Amino acid sequence: MEVTINLFDDSNWINASEYPGGTRKKVLRDENGAKTLLLKFPEGFYMAPHSHITAEQHVILKGEYISDGKVYHEGTYQCFKAHENHGPFQSKQGALVLVFWDPYQANK
């Protein structure tokens, strides 16, 4: 079944309670351990360093965030290996970030 979702419209956004206050998410895919989310970081966003059991990929679509003292702008792609500590993340003005978790990369 084909799924079509507009990344930039106002539909399907929900509060992302697993993230710092004010963060919103749009779930694009969630099946068999693979997840794709669109995250809206609010102004003043901060998230402590952490890791995952799967690889995690980020694409910054709008805005920017700071991690480990480096600013990552729109158009930046990052990939973190499974169990690799990453962060902290902060965004002064907010950001729109496409996030993928890939269980197939968990052991690589």
C-alpha atoms as a PDB file:
ATOM      1  CA  MET A   1       0.000   0.000   0.000  1.00  0.00           C
ATOM      2  CA  GLU A   2       1.379   3.371  -0.992  1.00  0.00           C
ATOM      3  CA  VAL A   3       1.570   5.989   1.735  1.00  0.00           C
ATOM      4  CA  THR A   4       1.762   9.636   0.770  1.00  0.00           C
ATOM      5  CA  ILE A   5       2.301  12.300   3.426  1.00  0.00           C
ATOM      6  CA  ASN A   6       3.014  15.972   2.917  1.00  0.00           C
ATOM      7  CA  LEU A   7       5.961  16.888   5.132  1.00  0.00           C
ATOM      8  CA  PHE A   8       5.175  20.585   5.197  1.00  0.00           C
ATOM      9  CA  ASP A   9       1.408  20.742   5.791  1.00  0.00           C
ATOM     10  CA  ASP A  10      -0.198  21.153   9.210  1.00  0.00           C
ATOM     11  CA  SER A  11      -1.842  17.714   9.395  1.00  0.00           C
ATOM     12  CA  ASN A  12      -0.854  14.698  11.520  1.00  0.00           C
ATOM     13  CA  TRP A  13       1.339  16.587  14.018  1.00  0.00           C
ATOM     14  CA  ILE A  14       1.215  15.340  17.612  1.00  0.00           C
ATOM     15  CA  ASN A  15       3.061  16.210  20.814  1.00  0.00           C
ATOM     16  CA  ALA A  16       6.314  14.267  21.122  1.00  0.00           C
ATOM     17  CA  SER A  17       6.185  13.463  24.828  1.00  0.00           C
ATOM     18  CA  GLU A  18       9.423  11.436  24.628  1.00  0.00           C
ATOM     19  CA  TYR A  19      11.276  14.642  23.665  1.00  0.00           C
ATOM     20  CA  PRO A  20      11.751  17.938  25.521  1.00  0.00           C
ATOM     21  CA  GLY A  21       8.638  20.091  26.014  1.00  0.00           C
ATOM     22  CA  GLY A  22       7.164  21.742  22.951  1.00  0.00           C
ATOM     23  CA  THR A  23       8.616  19.210  20.490  1.00  0.00           C
ATOM     24  CA  ARG A  24       6.121  17.979  17.884  1.00  0.00           C
ATOM     25  CA  LYS A  25       6.321  14.935  15.626  1.00  0.00           C
ATOM     26  CA  LYS A  26       4.748  13.583  12.481  1.00  0.00           C
ATOM     27  CA  VAL A  27       5.106   9.797  12.248  1.00  0.00           C
ATOM     28  CA  LEU A  28       5.850   8.835   8.645  1.00  0.00           C
ATOM     29  CA  ARG A  29       6.713   5.171   9.182  1.00  0.00           C
ATOM     30  CA  ASP A  30       6.757   2.789  12.136  1.00  0.00           C
ATOM     31  CA  GLU A  31       7.084  -0.877  11.232  1.00  0.00           C
ATOM     32  CA  ASN A  32       9.274  -3.786  12.266  1.00  0.00           C
ATOM     33  CA  GLY A  33      11.644  -1.571  14.232  1.00  0.00           C
ATOM     34  CA  ALA A  34      12.143   0.889  11.366  1.00  0.00           C
ATOM     35  CA  LYS A  35      10.918   4.397  12.128  1.00  0.00           C
ATOM     36  CA  THR A  36      10.776   7.630  10.193  1.00  0.00           C
ATOM     37  CA  LEU A  37       9.705  10.803  11.986  1.00  0.00           C
ATOM     38  CA  LEU A  38       9.543  14.446  11.180  1.00  0.00           C
ATOM     39  CA  LEU A  39      10.434  16.421  14.310  1.00  0.00           C
ATOM     40  CA  LYS A  40       9.745  20.094  14.997  1.00  0.00           C
ATOM     41  CA  PHE A  41      12.180  21.364  17.593  1.00  0.00           C
ATOM     42  CA  PRO A  42      10.841  24.441  19.393  1.00  0.00           C
ATOM     43  CA  GLU A  43      12.903  27.541  20.093  1.00  0.00           C
ATOM     44  CA  GLY A  44      15.300  26.796  22.937  1.00  0.00           C
ATOM     45  CA  PHE A  45      15.260  23.025  22.316  1.00  0.00           C
ATOM     46  CA  TYR A  46      17.804  20.991  24.284  1.00  0.00           C
ATOM     47  CA  MET A  47      18.319  17.229  24.410  1.00  0.00           C
ATOM     48  CA  ALA A  48      21.053  15.494  26.394  1.00  0.00           C
ATOM     49  CA  PRO A  49      23.520  13.058  24.805  1.00  0.00           C
ATOM     50  CA  HIS A  50      22.112   9.590  24.216  1.00  0.00           C
ATOM     51  CA  SER A  51      22.413   6.485  22.028  1.00  0.00           C
ATOM     52  CA  HIS A  52      20.098   3.955  20.371  1.00  0.00           C
ATOM     53  CA  ILE A  53      20.172   0.239  19.588  1.00  0.00           C
ATOM     54  CA  THR A  54      19.787   1.076  15.885  1.00  0.00           C
ATOM     55  CA  ALA A  55      21.483   3.471  13.504  1.00  0.00           C
ATOM     56  CA  GLU A  56      19.925   6.959  13.442  1.00  0.00           C
ATOM     57  CA  GLN A  57      19.994   9.397  10.533  1.00  0.00           C
ATOM     58  CA  HIS A  58      19.108  13.114  10.526  1.00  0.00           C
ATOM     59  CA  VAL A  59      18.310  15.459   7.648  1.00  0.00           C
ATOM     60  CA  ILE A  60      17.811  19.082   8.676  1.00  0.00           C
ATOM     61  CA  LEU A  61      15.062  20.458   6.447  1.00  0.00           C
ATOM     62  CA  LYS A  62      14.657  23.854   8.087  1.00  0.00           C
ATOM     63  CA  GLY A  63      16.536  25.793  10.746  1.00  0.00           C
ATOM     64  CA  GLU A  64      19.609  24.452  12.472  1.00  0.00           C
ATOM     65  CA  TYR A  65      20.835  22.725  15.585  1.00  0.00           C
ATOM     66  CA  ILE A  66      24.047  22.710  17.566  1.00  0.00           C
ATOM     67  CA  SER A  67      25.745  19.507  18.647  1.00  0.00           C
ATOM     68  CA  ASP A  68      29.133  19.196  20.332  1.00  0.00           C
ATOM     69  CA  GLY A  69      29.740  22.912  19.744  1.00  0.00           C
ATOM     70  CA  LYS A  70      29.225  22.677  15.964  1.00  0.00           C
ATOM     71  CA  VAL A  71      26.299  24.268  14.093  1.00  0.00           C
ATOM     72  CA  TYR A  72      24.465  22.048  11.593  1.00  0.00           C
ATOM     73  CA  HIS A  73      22.418  23.990   9.017  1.00  0.00           C
ATOM     74  CA  GLU A  74      19.576  23.226   6.607  1.00  0.00           C
ATOM     75  CA  GLY A  75      20.538  20.494   4.183  1.00  0.00           C
ATOM     76  CA  THR A  76      22.879  18.726   6.619  1.00  0.00           C
ATOM     77  CA  TYR A  77      22.786  14.928   6.747  1.00  0.00           C
ATOM     78  CA  GLN A  78      24.202  13.006   9.715  1.00  0.00           C
ATOM     79  CA  CYS A  79      24.333   9.275  10.442  1.00  0.00           C
ATOM     80  CA  PHE A  80      25.012   7.834  13.886  1.00  0.00           C
ATOM     81  CA  LYS A  81      25.877   4.160  14.262  1.00  0.00           C
ATOM     82  CA  ALA A  82      23.974   1.914  16.646  1.00  0.00           C
ATOM     83  CA  HIS A  83      25.121   2.399  20.267  1.00  0.00           C
ATOM     84  CA  GLU A  84      27.099   5.533  19.286  1.00  0.00           C
ATOM     85  CA  ASN A  85      26.625   8.362  21.776  1.00  0.00           C
ATOM     86  CA  HIS A  86      25.438  11.548  20.041  1.00  0.00           C
ATOM     87  CA  GLY A  87      24.397  14.967  21.233  1.00  0.00           C
ATOM     88  CA  PRO A  88      23.719  17.050  23.126  1.00  0.00           C
ATOM     89  CA  PHE A  89      21.437  18.803  20.650  1.00  0.00           C
ATOM     90  CA  GLN A  90      20.143  22.324  21.007  1.00  0.00           C
ATOM     91  CA  SER A  91      18.324  24.689  18.707  1.00  0.00           C
ATOM     92  CA  LYS A  92      18.025  28.356  19.545  1.00  0.00           C
ATOM     93  CA  GLN A  93      15.478  29.198  16.826  1.00  0.00           C
ATOM     94  CA  GLY A  94      13.917  25.731  16.346  1.00  0.00           C
ATOM     95  CA  ALA A  95      14.344  23.252  13.521  1.00  0.00           C
ATOM     96  CA  LEU A  96      12.528  20.775  11.299  1.00  0.00           C
ATOM     97  CA  VAL A  97      14.428  17.477  11.245  1.00  0.00           C
ATOM     98  CA  LEU A  98      13.713  14.258   9.357  1.00  0.00           C
ATOM     99  CA  VAL A  99      14.844  11.304  11.494  1.00  0.00           C
ATOM    100  CA  PHE A 100      15.268   7.654  10.456  1.00  0.00           C
ATOM    101  CA  TRP A 101      15.974   4.704  12.737  1.00  0.00           C
ATOM    102  CA  ASP A 102      17.293   1.697  10.846  1.00  0.00           C
ATOM    103  CA  PRO A 103      17.218  -1.677  12.646  1.00  0.00           C
ATOM    104  CA  TYR A 104      19.075  -3.284   9.751  1.00  0.00           C
ATOM    105  CA  GLN A 105      22.171  -1.302  10.704  1.00  0.00           C
ATOM    106  CA  ALA A 106      21.997  -2.267  14.392  1.00  0.00           C
ATOM    107  CA  ASN A 107      24.891  -4.718  14.317  1.00  0.00           C
ATOM    108  CA  LYS A 108      27.184  -2.999  11.829  1.00  0.00           C
END
